[in-house]
Amino acid sequence: NGIDPTSVKYSNSPLTFNSTTLLKARTLAKGIWSPVHEIMIIVLDDYKDLKITEIHYHPSPDRNTDGDNFEFIELKNIGARPLNMTGVSFDMGIFYTFKSGVILDPGKFIVLASSAELFTRRYKFSPLGDYNGQLKNSGETVRLTDASGDSIDSLTYSDTLPWPKEADGKGYS
């Protein structure tokens, strides 16, 4: 229904990208628009300050809801500069890819949940989104990668020592 007011007309000058960006382009020729073409322009950030800081893999249930529906994982930027999360993904254990434009400011957290609705009900704040899959109650490896697929952080959790017993179905993360 027309041209998006946020679009930019290309003027044959070089494009410069300072952060990972999803570029969408189409052309108008003789009054007919081409299909939209998309390409992810990856400008890798230094993710050394992005950490998996909390994992709730076997939450306790409530009266009517299985505990697996209250699972979550938390990330924190422990650095001094914002991190562009575009294209960062969990690709093992759980599955989630951050959309374009998500910025994690210094000292801030992002929480992803198995069910945003149930997480919000229990913990009284909203996570950024829902991941796909479930965290295995018996343990597994969870991996976070950058937009090019390189590992940023990973952890292997378990329901045996040295992992605390309280994290295995007793309500603690």
C-alpha atoms as a PDB file:
ATOM      1  CA  ASN A   1       0.000   0.000   0.000  1.00  0.00           C
ATOM      2  CA  GLY A   2       2.714   2.452  -0.871  1.00  0.00           C
ATOM      3  CA  ILE A   3       6.272   3.222   0.147  1.00  0.00           C
ATOM      4  CA  ASP A   4       7.192   2.749   3.792  1.00  0.00           C
ATOM      5  CA  PRO A   5       7.900   6.222   5.239  1.00  0.00           C
ATOM      6  CA  THR A   6      11.038   4.852   6.960  1.00  0.00           C
ATOM      7  CA  SER A   7      12.516   3.568   3.709  1.00  0.00           C
ATOM      8  CA  VAL A   8      15.521   5.223   2.099  1.00  0.00           C
ATOM      9  CA  LYS A   9      15.906   5.735  -1.638  1.00  0.00           C
ATOM     10  CA  TYR A  10      19.216   4.320  -2.851  1.00  0.00           C
ATOM     11  CA  SER A  11      21.350   6.922  -4.601  1.00  0.00           C
ATOM     12  CA  ASN A  12      24.182   4.769  -6.030  1.00  0.00           C
ATOM     13  CA  SER A  13      26.514   5.834  -3.225  1.00  0.00           C
ATOM     14  CA  PRO A  14      28.288   3.248  -1.037  1.00  0.00           C
ATOM     15  CA  LEU A  15      26.371   1.912   1.947  1.00  0.00           C
ATOM     16  CA  THR A  16      28.149   1.743   5.285  1.00  0.00           C
ATOM     17  CA  PHE A  17      27.003  -0.545   8.094  1.00  0.00           C
ATOM     18  CA  ASN A  18      28.344  -0.078  11.622  1.00  0.00           C
ATOM     19  CA  SER A  19      26.284  -2.861  13.161  1.00  0.00           C
ATOM     20  CA  THR A  20      24.574  -6.054  12.045  1.00  0.00           C
ATOM     21  CA  THR A  21      21.566  -5.066   9.961  1.00  0.00           C
ATOM     22  CA  LEU A  22      18.818  -6.816   8.055  1.00  0.00           C
ATOM     23  CA  LEU A  23      18.810  -5.042   4.691  1.00  0.00           C
ATOM     24  CA  LYS A  24      15.584  -5.219   2.684  1.00  0.00           C
ATOM     25  CA  ALA A  25      15.505  -3.944  -0.882  1.00  0.00           C
ATOM     26  CA  ARG A  26      13.170  -3.871  -3.850  1.00  0.00           C
ATOM     27  CA  THR A  27      13.116  -2.016  -7.107  1.00  0.00           C
ATOM     28  CA  LEU A  28      10.453  -0.084  -8.972  1.00  0.00           C
ATOM     29  CA  ALA A  29      10.582  -0.522 -12.751  1.00  0.00           C
ATOM     30  CA  LYS A  30       7.866   0.736 -15.067  1.00  0.00           C
ATOM     31  CA  GLY A  31       5.474   1.090 -12.137  1.00  0.00           C
ATOM     32  CA  ILE A  32       5.944  -2.503 -10.934  1.00  0.00           C
ATOM     33  CA  TRP A  33       7.678  -3.400  -7.660  1.00  0.00           C
ATOM     34  CA  SER A  34      10.027  -6.355  -7.509  1.00  0.00           C
ATOM     35  CA  PRO A  35       9.746  -8.881  -4.686  1.00  0.00           C
ATOM     36  CA  VAL A  36      11.526  -7.886  -1.481  1.00  0.00           C
ATOM     37  CA  HIS A  37      15.091  -9.142  -1.284  1.00  0.00           C
ATOM     38  CA  GLU A  38      16.615  -9.554   2.167  1.00  0.00           C
ATOM     39  CA  ILE A  39      20.208  -9.998   3.250  1.00  0.00           C
ATOM     40  CA  MET A  40      21.685  -9.982   6.732  1.00  0.00           C
ATOM     41  CA  ILE A  41      24.757  -7.742   6.798  1.00  0.00           C
ATOM     42  CA  ILE A  42      26.860  -9.119   9.628  1.00  0.00           C
ATOM     43  CA  VAL A  43      29.164  -6.761  11.476  1.00  0.00           C
ATOM     44  CA  LEU A  44      30.550  -8.874  14.263  1.00  0.00           C
ATOM     45  CA  ASP A  45      30.584  -7.404  17.731  1.00  0.00           C
ATOM     46  CA  ASP A  46      32.976  -8.450  20.473  1.00  0.00           C
ATOM     47  CA  TYR A  47      30.765 -10.547  22.724  1.00  0.00           C
ATOM     48  CA  LYS A  48      33.354 -11.323  25.421  1.00  0.00           C
ATOM     49  CA  ASP A  49      31.189  -9.399  27.911  1.00  0.00           C
ATOM     50  CA  LEU A  50      27.974 -11.313  27.126  1.00  0.00           C
ATOM     51  CA  LYS A  51      27.410 -14.040  29.712  1.00  0.00           C
ATOM     52  CA  ILE A  52      24.778 -16.658  30.487  1.00  0.00           C
ATOM     53  CA  THR A  53      24.166 -15.696  34.106  1.00  0.00           C
ATOM     54  CA  GLU A  54      21.161 -17.740  35.203  1.00  0.00           C
ATOM     55  CA  ILE A  55      19.373 -20.860  34.042  1.00  0.00           C
ATOM     56  CA  HIS A  56      16.178 -22.293  35.479  1.00  0.00           C
ATOM     57  CA  TYR A  57      16.035 -25.752  33.925  1.00  0.00           C
ATOM     58  CA  HIS A  58      13.698 -27.618  36.314  1.00  0.00           C
ATOM     59  CA  PRO A  59      11.316 -25.152  37.979  1.00  0.00           C
ATOM     60  CA  SER A  60       8.791 -26.370  40.481  1.00  0.00           C
ATOM     61  CA  PRO A  61       5.222 -26.733  39.190  1.00  0.00           C
ATOM     62  CA  ASP A  62       2.240 -24.845  40.480  1.00  0.00           C
ATOM     63  CA  ARG A  63      -1.187 -26.372  41.112  1.00  0.00           C
ATOM     64  CA  ASN A  64      -2.249 -26.472  37.466  1.00  0.00           C
ATOM     65  CA  THR A  65       0.935 -26.006  35.433  1.00  0.00           C
ATOM     66  CA  ASP A  66       3.916 -28.247  34.804  1.00  0.00           C
ATOM     67  CA  GLY A  67       7.149 -26.655  35.996  1.00  0.00           C
ATOM     68  CA  ASP A  68       8.742 -26.885  32.531  1.00  0.00           C
ATOM     69  CA  ASN A  69       6.472 -24.024  31.492  1.00  0.00           C
ATOM     70  CA  PHE A  70       8.310 -21.706  33.920  1.00  0.00           C
ATOM     71  CA  GLU A  71      11.813 -22.323  32.544  1.00  0.00           C
ATOM     72  CA  PHE A  72      14.029 -19.366  31.702  1.00  0.00           C
ATOM     73  CA  ILE A  73      17.560 -18.357  30.841  1.00  0.00           C
ATOM     74  CA  GLU A  74      19.183 -15.012  31.594  1.00  0.00           C
ATOM     75  CA  LEU A  75      21.960 -13.146  29.789  1.00  0.00           C
ATOM     76  CA  LYS A  76      23.911 -10.171  31.082  1.00  0.00           C
ATOM     77  CA  ASN A  77      26.181  -7.610  29.456  1.00  0.00           C
ATOM     78  CA  ILE A  78      28.984  -7.319  32.023  1.00  0.00           C
ATOM     79  CA  GLY A  79      30.899  -4.826  29.876  1.00  0.00           C
ATOM     80  CA  ALA A  80      30.984  -1.053  29.552  1.00  0.00           C
ATOM     81  CA  ARG A  81      29.437  -0.683  26.079  1.00  0.00           C
ATOM     82  CA  PRO A  82      26.130  -1.699  24.483  1.00  0.00           C
ATOM     83  CA  LEU A  83      25.967  -4.987  22.583  1.00  0.00           C
ATOM     84  CA  ASN A  84      24.019  -5.380  19.369  1.00  0.00           C
ATOM     85  CA  MET A  85      22.218  -8.718  19.766  1.00  0.00           C
ATOM     86  CA  THR A  86      21.013  -8.932  16.143  1.00  0.00           C
ATOM     87  CA  GLY A  87      21.484 -12.495  14.916  1.00  0.00           C
ATOM     88  CA  VAL A  88      22.835 -13.817  18.235  1.00  0.00           C
ATOM     89  CA  SER A  89      21.311 -17.267  18.762  1.00  0.00           C
ATOM     90  CA  PHE A  90      20.860 -20.123  21.139  1.00  0.00           C
ATOM     91  CA  ASP A  91      21.465 -23.080  18.834  1.00  0.00           C
ATOM     92  CA  MET A  92      21.907 -25.966  21.247  1.00  0.00           C
ATOM     93  CA  GLY A  93      19.611 -27.016  24.074  1.00  0.00           C
ATOM     94  CA  ILE A  94      17.102 -24.279  23.309  1.00  0.00           C
ATOM     95  CA  PHE A  95      16.582 -22.294  20.134  1.00  0.00           C
ATOM     96  CA  TYR A  96      16.167 -18.558  19.763  1.00  0.00           C
ATOM     97  CA  THR A  97      17.560 -15.890  17.428  1.00  0.00           C
ATOM     98  CA  PHE A  98      17.547 -12.241  18.455  1.00  0.00           C
ATOM     99  CA  LYS A  99      15.787  -9.967  15.988  1.00  0.00           C
ATOM    100  CA  SER A 100      17.317  -6.914  14.392  1.00  0.00           C
ATOM    101  CA  GLY A 101      17.632  -3.894  16.665  1.00  0.00           C
ATOM    102  CA  VAL A 102      17.885  -5.614  20.058  1.00  0.00           C
ATOM    103  CA  ILE A 103      20.550  -3.804  22.088  1.00  0.00           C
ATOM    104  CA  LEU A 104      21.754  -4.996  25.496  1.00  0.00           C
ATOM    105  CA  ASP A 105      23.055  -2.043  27.461  1.00  0.00           C
ATOM    106  CA  PRO A 106      25.985  -2.306  29.906  1.00  0.00           C
ATOM    107  CA  GLY A 107      25.050  -3.974  33.189  1.00  0.00           C
ATOM    108  CA  LYS A 108      21.614  -4.983  31.886  1.00  0.00           C
ATOM    109  CA  PHE A 109      19.936  -8.383  31.594  1.00  0.00           C
ATOM    110  CA  ILE A 110      17.805 -10.138  28.987  1.00  0.00           C
ATOM    111  CA  VAL A 111      15.550 -13.005  30.001  1.00  0.00           C
ATOM    112  CA  LEU A 112      14.116 -15.568  27.588  1.00  0.00           C
ATOM    113  CA  ALA A 113      11.447 -18.007  28.746  1.00  0.00           C
ATOM    114  CA  SER A 114       9.773 -21.202  27.626  1.00  0.00           C
ATOM    115  CA  SER A 115       6.427 -19.376  28.020  1.00  0.00           C
ATOM    116  CA  ALA A 116       6.425 -15.587  28.312  1.00  0.00           C
ATOM    117  CA  GLU A 117       2.827 -15.595  29.533  1.00  0.00           C
ATOM    118  CA  LEU A 118       3.412 -18.066  32.370  1.00  0.00           C
ATOM    119  CA  PHE A 119       6.795 -16.542  33.237  1.00  0.00           C
ATOM    120  CA  THR A 120       5.145 -13.117  33.609  1.00  0.00           C
ATOM    121  CA  ARG A 121       2.400 -14.579  35.770  1.00  0.00           C
ATOM    122  CA  ARG A 122       4.881 -16.217  38.147  1.00  0.00           C
ATOM    123  CA  TYR A 123       7.747 -13.701  38.233  1.00  0.00           C
ATOM    124  CA  LYS A 124       5.782 -10.446  37.708  1.00  0.00           C
ATOM    125  CA  PHE A 125       7.863  -9.097  34.825  1.00  0.00           C
ATOM    126  CA  SER A 126       7.980  -9.893  31.126  1.00  0.00           C
ATOM    127  CA  PRO A 127      10.839 -11.690  29.403  1.00  0.00           C
ATOM    128  CA  LEU A 128      12.069 -10.492  26.021  1.00  0.00           C
ATOM    129  CA  GLY A 129      10.537 -13.525  24.322  1.00  0.00           C
ATOM    130  CA  ASP A 130       9.882 -17.249  24.140  1.00  0.00           C
ATOM    131  CA  TYR A 131      12.551 -19.693  23.058  1.00  0.00           C
ATOM    132  CA  ASN A 132      11.792 -22.916  21.212  1.00  0.00           C
ATOM    133  CA  GLY A 133      12.428 -26.258  22.845  1.00  0.00           C
ATOM    134  CA  GLN A 134      12.720 -27.189  26.507  1.00  0.00           C
ATOM    135  CA  LEU A 135      15.650 -27.354  28.888  1.00  0.00           C
ATOM    136  CA  LYS A 136      16.123 -31.002  29.821  1.00  0.00           C
ATOM    137  CA  ASN A 137      15.517 -31.608  33.517  1.00  0.00           C
ATOM    138  CA  SER A 138      18.378 -34.104  33.563  1.00  0.00           C
ATOM    139  CA  GLY A 139      20.845 -31.620  32.068  1.00  0.00           C
ATOM    140  CA  GLU A 140      22.413 -30.791  28.717  1.00  0.00           C
ATOM    141  CA  THR A 141      24.639 -28.252  26.984  1.00  0.00           C
ATOM    142  CA  VAL A 142      23.248 -24.835  26.063  1.00  0.00           C
ATOM    143  CA  ARG A 143      25.197 -22.755  23.536  1.00  0.00           C
ATOM    144  CA  LEU A 144      25.002 -19.097  22.508  1.00  0.00           C
ATOM    145  CA  THR A 145      26.481 -18.082  19.131  1.00  0.00           C
ATOM    146  CA  ASP A 146      27.033 -14.856  17.219  1.00  0.00           C
ATOM    147  CA  ALA A 147      25.414 -14.098  13.853  1.00  0.00           C
ATOM    148  CA  SER A 148      28.157 -15.990  12.003  1.00  0.00           C
ATOM    149  CA  GLY A 149      27.682 -19.116  14.158  1.00  0.00           C
ATOM    150  CA  ASP A 150      30.801 -18.724  16.305  1.00  0.00           C
ATOM    151  CA  SER A 151      30.386 -19.690  19.960  1.00  0.00           C
ATOM    152  CA  ILE A 152      29.997 -16.825  22.456  1.00  0.00           C
ATOM    153  CA  ASP A 153      29.236 -18.790  25.624  1.00  0.00           C
ATOM    154  CA  SER A 154      28.054 -22.252  26.554  1.00  0.00           C
ATOM    155  CA  LEU A 155      27.398 -24.234  29.659  1.00  0.00           C
ATOM    156  CA  THR A 156      26.614 -27.797  30.542  1.00  0.00           C
ATOM    157  CA  TYR A 157      24.248 -28.156  33.460  1.00  0.00           C
ATOM    158  CA  SER A 158      23.175 -31.306  35.248  1.00  0.00           C
ATOM    159  CA  ASP A 159      20.916 -32.596  37.978  1.00  0.00           C
ATOM    160  CA  THR A 160      23.915 -34.176  39.738  1.00  0.00           C
ATOM    161  CA  LEU A 161      26.786 -32.707  41.734  1.00  0.00           C
ATOM    162  CA  PRO A 162      28.373 -30.186  41.524  1.00  0.00           C
ATOM    163  CA  TRP A 163      25.025 -28.655  40.469  1.00  0.00           C
ATOM    164  CA  PRO A 164      22.933 -27.823  43.536  1.00  0.00           C
ATOM    165  CA  LYS A 165      20.064 -30.194  44.422  1.00  0.00           C
ATOM    166  CA  GLU A 166      17.804 -27.182  45.022  1.00  0.00           C
ATOM    167  CA  ALA A 167      17.911 -26.338  41.281  1.00  0.00           C
ATOM    168  CA  ASP A 168      16.436 -29.745  40.397  1.00  0.00           C
ATOM    169  CA  GLY A 169      12.685 -29.224  40.745  1.00  0.00           C
ATOM    170  CA  LYS A 170      12.685 -27.466  44.103  1.00  0.00           C
ATOM    171  CA  GLY A 171      12.047 -23.946  42.786  1.00  0.00           C
ATOM    172  CA  TYR A 172      15.601 -22.560  42.634  1.00  0.00           C
ATOM    173  CA  SER A 173      17.561 -21.566  39.536  1.00  0.00           C
END
